[in-house]
C-alpha cells in the first residue's frame, strides 16, 4: 500500500484530553455540574470561540448573562489548562515518531485563536510542533463543515488518499471520508499506531 503523504491530527481528545463535564464534576460535584450544564449551554459558548469569537470576552459575556453561574463559567477561561488536560502521551509519541521519520504532520482542530495562543505559550508549547496548523478560530469555519477541509487541501497541495486524518468525532471523520481522505476514528493510541502501520507509515 502506498502510504499517505501527510498525517493530520485533531487536538481535543486525540492529543489533549477534553472532557469539560469531568472537570466540573471534580470541582463541584456531579449534581451541581448537571445543574450548570442544564442552565448554561457551555458547549455552544465554546463553539462560538472555536469559530473565531474572542476567548476572554466571550466567556465574560456569557458569565454576565448568567450571574448565578458566573464564577463557574469564568473557569472555562481562567483555568483552561485544568479543563484541557492531560496530554494523551501515547498520541504525542506517535506524532514525534512520524516527524522523526520525515512524515509531514499537520493539526486540524476546532479550537479558538486566543485559546491556541494561550495553550502554546503556557501549558502546551508542543502545540507548535506541527508542519502546518489549521485552527478553526483563525480560519472562521469549524469541522465538520466541508469548507475547512477544502481549505486544508488548497493550502497544503494534497488531497484524497494522500491525507490521513485522525479525529475522535464520527461526523468530522465522515466529511473527510467524503473527500477521499484516509481516516481513523480515534479511541486509543495503540489502535492508531497499528492502523498507521497498515497504511505503510514508519512506526
C-alpha atoms as a PDB file:
ATOM      1  CA  UNK A   1       0.000   0.000   0.000  1.00  0.00           C
ATOM      2  CA  UNK A   2       1.259   3.474  -0.895  1.00  0.00           C
ATOM      3  CA  UNK A   3       1.454   5.446   2.361  1.00  0.00           C
ATOM      4  CA  UNK A   4      -0.272   8.805   2.795  1.00  0.00           C
ATOM      5  CA  UNK A   5       1.893  11.878   2.284  1.00  0.00           C
ATOM      6  CA  UNK A   6       0.762  13.685   5.452  1.00  0.00           C
ATOM      7  CA  UNK A   7      -0.920  12.794   8.729  1.00  0.00           C
ATOM      8  CA  UNK A   8      -3.433  15.226  10.225  1.00  0.00           C
ATOM      9  CA  UNK A   9      -4.210  15.175  13.942  1.00  0.00           C
ATOM     10  CA  UNK A  10      -7.212  16.624  15.705  1.00  0.00           C
ATOM     11  CA  UNK A  11      -6.177  18.066  19.090  1.00  0.00           C
ATOM     12  CA  UNK A  12      -9.029  17.637  21.576  1.00  0.00           C
ATOM     13  CA  UNK A  13      -9.401  14.020  22.749  1.00  0.00           C
ATOM     14  CA  UNK A  14      -6.658  12.911  20.367  1.00  0.00           C
ATOM     15  CA  UNK A  15      -3.626  14.800  21.692  1.00  0.00           C
ATOM     16  CA  UNK A  16      -5.087  16.534  24.770  1.00  0.00           C
ATOM     17  CA  UNK A  17      -7.972  15.215  26.820  1.00  0.00           C
ATOM     18  CA  UNK A  18     -11.051  17.464  26.529  1.00  0.00           C
ATOM     19  CA  UNK A  19     -13.805  16.494  28.966  1.00  0.00           C
ATOM     20  CA  UNK A  20     -15.355  19.639  30.492  1.00  0.00           C
ATOM     21  CA  UNK A  21     -18.041  17.720  32.344  1.00  0.00           C
ATOM     22  CA  UNK A  22     -15.407  15.652  34.145  1.00  0.00           C
ATOM     23  CA  UNK A  23     -13.576  18.836  35.153  1.00  0.00           C
ATOM     24  CA  UNK A  24     -16.701  20.375  36.682  1.00  0.00           C
ATOM     25  CA  UNK A  25     -17.583  17.067  38.347  1.00  0.00           C
ATOM     26  CA  UNK A  26     -14.221  17.107  40.123  1.00  0.00           C
ATOM     27  CA  UNK A  27     -14.545  20.702  41.258  1.00  0.00           C
ATOM     28  CA  UNK A  28     -18.249  20.991  42.114  1.00  0.00           C
ATOM     29  CA  UNK A  29     -19.721  17.520  42.162  1.00  0.00           C
ATOM     30  CA  UNK A  30     -21.958  15.797  39.663  1.00  0.00           C
ATOM     31  CA  UNK A  31     -25.235  17.357  40.837  1.00  0.00           C
ATOM     32  CA  UNK A  32     -24.008  20.942  40.579  1.00  0.00           C
ATOM     33  CA  UNK A  33     -22.329  20.256  37.251  1.00  0.00           C
ATOM     34  CA  UNK A  34     -25.586  18.867  35.863  1.00  0.00           C
ATOM     35  CA  UNK A  35     -27.419  21.943  37.081  1.00  0.00           C
ATOM     36  CA  UNK A  36     -24.809  24.225  35.487  1.00  0.00           C
ATOM     37  CA  UNK A  37     -24.829  22.495  32.120  1.00  0.00           C
ATOM     38  CA  UNK A  38     -28.624  22.362  32.220  1.00  0.00           C
ATOM     39  CA  UNK A  39     -28.853  26.103  32.787  1.00  0.00           C
ATOM     40  CA  UNK A  40     -25.990  27.273  30.568  1.00  0.00           C
ATOM     41  CA  UNK A  41     -25.063  25.828  27.175  1.00  0.00           C
ATOM     42  CA  UNK A  42     -21.313  25.971  27.700  1.00  0.00           C
ATOM     43  CA  UNK A  43     -20.643  23.875  24.631  1.00  0.00           C
ATOM     44  CA  UNK A  44     -22.457  26.467  22.493  1.00  0.00           C
ATOM     45  CA  UNK A  45     -20.259  29.136  24.082  1.00  0.00           C
ATOM     46  CA  UNK A  46     -17.198  27.106  23.168  1.00  0.00           C
ATOM     47  CA  UNK A  47     -18.432  26.629  19.611  1.00  0.00           C
ATOM     48  CA  UNK A  48     -18.545  30.429  19.247  1.00  0.00           C
ATOM     49  CA  UNK A  49     -14.923  30.596  20.413  1.00  0.00           C
ATOM     50  CA  UNK A  50     -13.904  27.791  18.051  1.00  0.00           C
ATOM     51  CA  UNK A  51     -15.481  29.739  15.187  1.00  0.00           C
ATOM     52  CA  UNK A  52     -13.397  32.830  15.929  1.00  0.00           C
ATOM     53  CA  UNK A  53     -15.057  34.722  18.793  1.00  0.00           C
ATOM     54  CA  UNK A  54     -12.557  36.224  21.288  1.00  0.00           C
ATOM     55  CA  UNK A  55     -11.928  33.819  24.156  1.00  0.00           C
ATOM     56  CA  UNK A  56     -11.970  36.031  27.251  1.00  0.00           C
ATOM     57  CA  UNK A  57     -14.619  38.471  26.043  1.00  0.00           C
ATOM     58  CA  UNK A  58     -16.948  35.644  25.043  1.00  0.00           C
ATOM     59  CA  UNK A  59     -16.664  33.867  28.396  1.00  0.00           C
ATOM     60  CA  UNK A  60     -17.158  37.169  30.235  1.00  0.00           C
ATOM     61  CA  UNK A  61     -20.282  37.902  28.195  1.00  0.00           C
ATOM     62  CA  UNK A  62     -21.781  34.512  28.994  1.00  0.00           C
ATOM     63  CA  UNK A  63     -20.917  34.949  32.686  1.00  0.00           C
ATOM     64  CA  UNK A  64     -22.665  38.327  32.672  1.00  0.00           C
ATOM     65  CA  UNK A  65     -25.789  36.772  31.139  1.00  0.00           C
ATOM     66  CA  UNK A  66     -25.833  34.051  33.801  1.00  0.00           C
ATOM     67  CA  UNK A  67     -24.780  35.786  37.041  1.00  0.00           C
ATOM     68  CA  UNK A  68     -25.813  32.861  39.230  1.00  0.00           C
ATOM     69  CA  UNK A  69     -23.177  30.772  37.470  1.00  0.00           C
ATOM     70  CA  UNK A  70     -20.618  33.489  36.716  1.00  0.00           C
ATOM     71  CA  UNK A  71     -17.779  32.044  38.801  1.00  0.00           C
ATOM     72  CA  UNK A  72     -18.182  28.598  37.270  1.00  0.00           C
ATOM     73  CA  UNK A  73     -18.402  29.965  33.728  1.00  0.00           C
ATOM     74  CA  UNK A  74     -15.258  32.070  34.161  1.00  0.00           C
ATOM     75  CA  UNK A  75     -13.280  28.923  34.943  1.00  0.00           C
ATOM     76  CA  UNK A  76     -13.682  27.981  31.268  1.00  0.00           C
ATOM     77  CA  UNK A  77     -11.147  30.709  30.570  1.00  0.00           C
ATOM     78  CA  UNK A  78      -9.326  31.203  33.870  1.00  0.00           C
ATOM     79  CA  UNK A  79      -8.480  27.525  34.385  1.00  0.00           C
ATOM     80  CA  UNK A  80      -8.416  26.393  30.775  1.00  0.00           C
ATOM     81  CA  UNK A  81      -5.186  24.482  31.427  1.00  0.00           C
ATOM     82  CA  UNK A  82      -7.049  22.433  34.028  1.00  0.00           C
ATOM     83  CA  UNK A  83     -10.050  21.990  31.761  1.00  0.00           C
ATOM     84  CA  UNK A  84      -7.959  20.754  28.819  1.00  0.00           C
ATOM     85  CA  UNK A  85      -5.838  18.083  30.459  1.00  0.00           C
ATOM     86  CA  UNK A  86      -3.907  15.873  30.497  1.00  0.00           C
ATOM     87  CA  UNK A  87      -1.801  15.239  27.429  1.00  0.00           C
ATOM     88  CA  UNK A  88      -2.505  11.930  25.734  1.00  0.00           C
ATOM     89  CA  UNK A  89       1.110  10.833  25.849  1.00  0.00           C
ATOM     90  CA  UNK A  90       0.772   7.851  23.528  1.00  0.00           C
ATOM     91  CA  UNK A  91      -0.572  10.046  20.737  1.00  0.00           C
ATOM     92  CA  UNK A  92       2.264  12.540  21.155  1.00  0.00           C
ATOM     93  CA  UNK A  93       4.767   9.686  20.970  1.00  0.00           C
ATOM     94  CA  UNK A  94       3.260   8.642  17.647  1.00  0.00           C
ATOM     95  CA  UNK A  95       3.357  12.214  16.363  1.00  0.00           C
ATOM     96  CA  UNK A  96       7.024  12.610  17.273  1.00  0.00           C
ATOM     97  CA  UNK A  97       7.945   9.275  15.694  1.00  0.00           C
ATOM     98  CA  UNK A  98       6.227  10.277  12.450  1.00  0.00           C
ATOM     99  CA  UNK A  99       8.059  13.596  12.342  1.00  0.00           C
ATOM    100  CA  UNK A 100      11.377  11.896  13.109  1.00  0.00           C
ATOM    101  CA  UNK A 101      10.747   9.605  10.140  1.00  0.00           C
ATOM    102  CA  UNK A 102      10.167  12.615   7.877  1.00  0.00           C
ATOM    103  CA  UNK A 103       6.382  12.299   7.612  1.00  0.00           C
ATOM    104  CA  UNK A 104       4.680  15.728   7.478  1.00  0.00           C
ATOM    105  CA  UNK A 105       2.343  16.165  10.440  1.00  0.00           C
ATOM    106  CA  UNK A 106      -0.498  18.694  10.447  1.00  0.00           C
ATOM    107  CA  UNK A 107      -3.102  19.776  13.001  1.00  0.00           C
ATOM    108  CA  UNK A 108      -6.759  20.345  12.115  1.00  0.00           C
ATOM    109  CA  UNK A 109      -8.722  21.338  15.196  1.00  0.00           C
ATOM    110  CA  UNK A 110     -11.828  23.140  16.334  1.00  0.00           C
ATOM    111  CA  UNK A 111     -10.127  25.495  18.759  1.00  0.00           C
ATOM    112  CA  UNK A 112     -10.125  29.242  19.206  1.00  0.00           C
ATOM    113  CA  UNK A 113      -7.335  31.525  18.037  1.00  0.00           C
ATOM    114  CA  UNK A 114      -6.852  33.030  21.503  1.00  0.00           C
ATOM    115  CA  UNK A 115      -7.158  29.585  23.059  1.00  0.00           C
ATOM    116  CA  UNK A 116      -4.349  28.258  20.874  1.00  0.00           C
ATOM    117  CA  UNK A 117      -2.102  31.164  21.783  1.00  0.00           C
ATOM    118  CA  UNK A 118      -2.837  30.682  25.479  1.00  0.00           C
ATOM    119  CA  UNK A 119      -2.148  26.958  25.266  1.00  0.00           C
ATOM    120  CA  UNK A 120       1.144  27.119  23.386  1.00  0.00           C
ATOM    121  CA  UNK A 121       2.512  29.998  25.466  1.00  0.00           C
ATOM    122  CA  UNK A 122       1.551  28.193  28.672  1.00  0.00           C
ATOM    123  CA  UNK A 123       0.980  24.519  29.404  1.00  0.00           C
ATOM    124  CA  UNK A 124       1.308  23.106  25.890  1.00  0.00           C
ATOM    125  CA  UNK A 125       4.259  24.534  23.933  1.00  0.00           C
ATOM    126  CA  UNK A 126       4.306  21.275  21.954  1.00  0.00           C
ATOM    127  CA  UNK A 127       1.277  22.560  20.019  1.00  0.00           C
ATOM    128  CA  UNK A 128       3.830  24.395  17.882  1.00  0.00           C
ATOM    129  CA  UNK A 129       5.277  21.016  16.794  1.00  0.00           C
ATOM    130  CA  UNK A 130       3.395  20.717  13.513  1.00  0.00           C
ATOM    131  CA  UNK A 131       4.473  21.265   9.941  1.00  0.00           C
ATOM    132  CA  UNK A 132       1.151  23.017   9.292  1.00  0.00           C
ATOM    133  CA  UNK A 133      -1.670  24.015  11.626  1.00  0.00           C
ATOM    134  CA  UNK A 134      -5.287  24.535  10.671  1.00  0.00           C
ATOM    135  CA  UNK A 135      -7.017  26.256  13.575  1.00  0.00           C
ATOM    136  CA  UNK A 136     -10.751  26.840  13.191  1.00  0.00           C
ATOM    137  CA  UNK A 137     -10.713  30.094  15.158  1.00  0.00           C
ATOM    138  CA  UNK A 138      -8.234  31.538  12.683  1.00  0.00           C
ATOM    139  CA  UNK A 139      -9.993  30.134   9.628  1.00  0.00           C
ATOM    140  CA  UNK A 140     -13.515  31.209  10.578  1.00  0.00           C
ATOM    141  CA  UNK A 141     -15.070  27.809   9.940  1.00  0.00           C
ATOM    142  CA  UNK A 142     -15.302  24.643  12.023  1.00  0.00           C
ATOM    143  CA  UNK A 143     -15.427  20.914  11.386  1.00  0.00           C
ATOM    144  CA  UNK A 144     -17.421  19.173  10.038  1.00  0.00           C
ATOM    145  CA  UNK A 145     -18.141  21.929   7.501  1.00  0.00           C
ATOM    146  CA  UNK A 146     -16.571  20.751   4.217  1.00  0.00           C
ATOM    147  CA  UNK A 147     -15.098  24.210   3.644  1.00  0.00           C
ATOM    148  CA  UNK A 148     -12.424  23.783   6.303  1.00  0.00           C
ATOM    149  CA  UNK A 149     -11.250  20.517   4.737  1.00  0.00           C
ATOM    150  CA  UNK A 150     -11.168  22.159   1.317  1.00  0.00           C
ATOM    151  CA  UNK A 151      -9.092  24.992   2.773  1.00  0.00           C
ATOM    152  CA  UNK A 152      -6.635  22.421   4.111  1.00  0.00           C
ATOM    153  CA  UNK A 153      -6.302  20.830   0.684  1.00  0.00           C
ATOM    154  CA  UNK A 154      -5.828  24.177  -1.029  1.00  0.00           C
ATOM    155  CA  UNK A 155      -3.135  25.230   1.428  1.00  0.00           C
ATOM    156  CA  UNK A 156      -1.067  22.043   1.594  1.00  0.00           C
ATOM    157  CA  UNK A 157      -1.479  20.950  -2.022  1.00  0.00           C
ATOM    158  CA  UNK A 158      -2.547  17.426  -1.052  1.00  0.00           C
ATOM    159  CA  UNK A 159      -5.940  15.770  -1.336  1.00  0.00           C
ATOM    160  CA  UNK A 160      -7.770  12.474  -1.209  1.00  0.00           C
ATOM    161  CA  UNK A 161      -5.784   9.434  -0.041  1.00  0.00           C
ATOM    162  CA  UNK A 162      -2.588  11.465   0.294  1.00  0.00           C
ATOM    163  CA  UNK A 163      -4.083  12.759   3.571  1.00  0.00           C
ATOM    164  CA  UNK A 164      -4.642  10.607   6.660  1.00  0.00           C
ATOM    165  CA  UNK A 165      -6.932  12.249   9.218  1.00  0.00           C
ATOM    166  CA  UNK A 166      -7.318  11.335  12.895  1.00  0.00           C
ATOM    167  CA  UNK A 167     -10.321  12.617  14.874  1.00  0.00           C
ATOM    168  CA  UNK A 168     -12.443  11.393  17.774  1.00  0.00           C
ATOM    169  CA  UNK A 169     -15.777  12.564  16.345  1.00  0.00           C
ATOM    170  CA  UNK A 170     -17.574  10.477  13.738  1.00  0.00           C
ATOM    171  CA  UNK A 171     -19.132  13.474  11.979  1.00  0.00           C
ATOM    172  CA  UNK A 172     -15.707  15.050  11.442  1.00  0.00           C
ATOM    173  CA  UNK A 173     -14.332  11.801  10.064  1.00  0.00           C
ATOM    174  CA  UNK A 174     -17.324  11.434   7.735  1.00  0.00           C
ATOM    175  CA  UNK A 175     -16.671  14.733   5.962  1.00  0.00           C
ATOM    176  CA  UNK A 176     -13.017  13.816   5.435  1.00  0.00           C
ATOM    177  CA  UNK A 177     -14.019  10.410   4.075  1.00  0.00           C
ATOM    178  CA  UNK A 178     -16.417  12.051   1.622  1.00  0.00           C
ATOM    179  CA  UNK A 179     -13.440  13.953   0.208  1.00  0.00           C
ATOM    180  CA  UNK A 180     -11.478  10.739  -0.180  1.00  0.00           C
ATOM    181  CA  UNK A 181      -9.116  11.238   2.760  1.00  0.00           C
ATOM    182  CA  UNK A 182      -7.924   8.208   4.678  1.00  0.00           C
ATOM    183  CA  UNK A 183      -9.468   8.304   8.130  1.00  0.00           C
ATOM    184  CA  UNK A 184      -9.081   6.992  11.655  1.00  0.00           C
ATOM    185  CA  UNK A 185     -11.731   7.380  14.348  1.00  0.00           C
ATOM    186  CA  UNK A 186      -9.540   7.753  17.404  1.00  0.00           C
ATOM    187  CA  UNK A 187     -10.167   5.669  20.506  1.00  0.00           C
ATOM    188  CA  UNK A 188      -6.670   4.821  21.778  1.00  0.00           C
ATOM    189  CA  UNK A 189      -3.032   5.395  20.769  1.00  0.00           C
ATOM    190  CA  UNK A 190      -2.226   1.706  20.318  1.00  0.00           C
ATOM    191  CA  UNK A 191      -5.038   1.282  17.800  1.00  0.00           C
ATOM    192  CA  UNK A 192      -3.885   4.380  15.964  1.00  0.00           C
ATOM    193  CA  UNK A 193      -0.308   3.095  15.791  1.00  0.00           C
ATOM    194  CA  UNK A 194      -1.497  -0.250  14.429  1.00  0.00           C
ATOM    195  CA  UNK A 195      -3.553   1.414  11.700  1.00  0.00           C
ATOM    196  CA  UNK A 196      -0.719   3.727  10.706  1.00  0.00           C
ATOM    197  CA  UNK A 197       1.477   0.675  10.178  1.00  0.00           C
ATOM    198  CA  UNK A 198      -1.231  -0.843   7.980  1.00  0.00           C
ATOM    199  CA  UNK A 199      -1.122   2.380   5.938  1.00  0.00           C
ATOM    200  CA  UNK A 200       2.588   1.792   5.343  1.00  0.00           C
ATOM    201  CA  UNK A 201       3.873   4.532   7.609  1.00  0.00           C
ATOM    202  CA  UNK A 202       7.116   4.018   9.550  1.00  0.00           C
ATOM    203  CA  UNK A 203       6.298   3.433  13.221  1.00  0.00           C
END
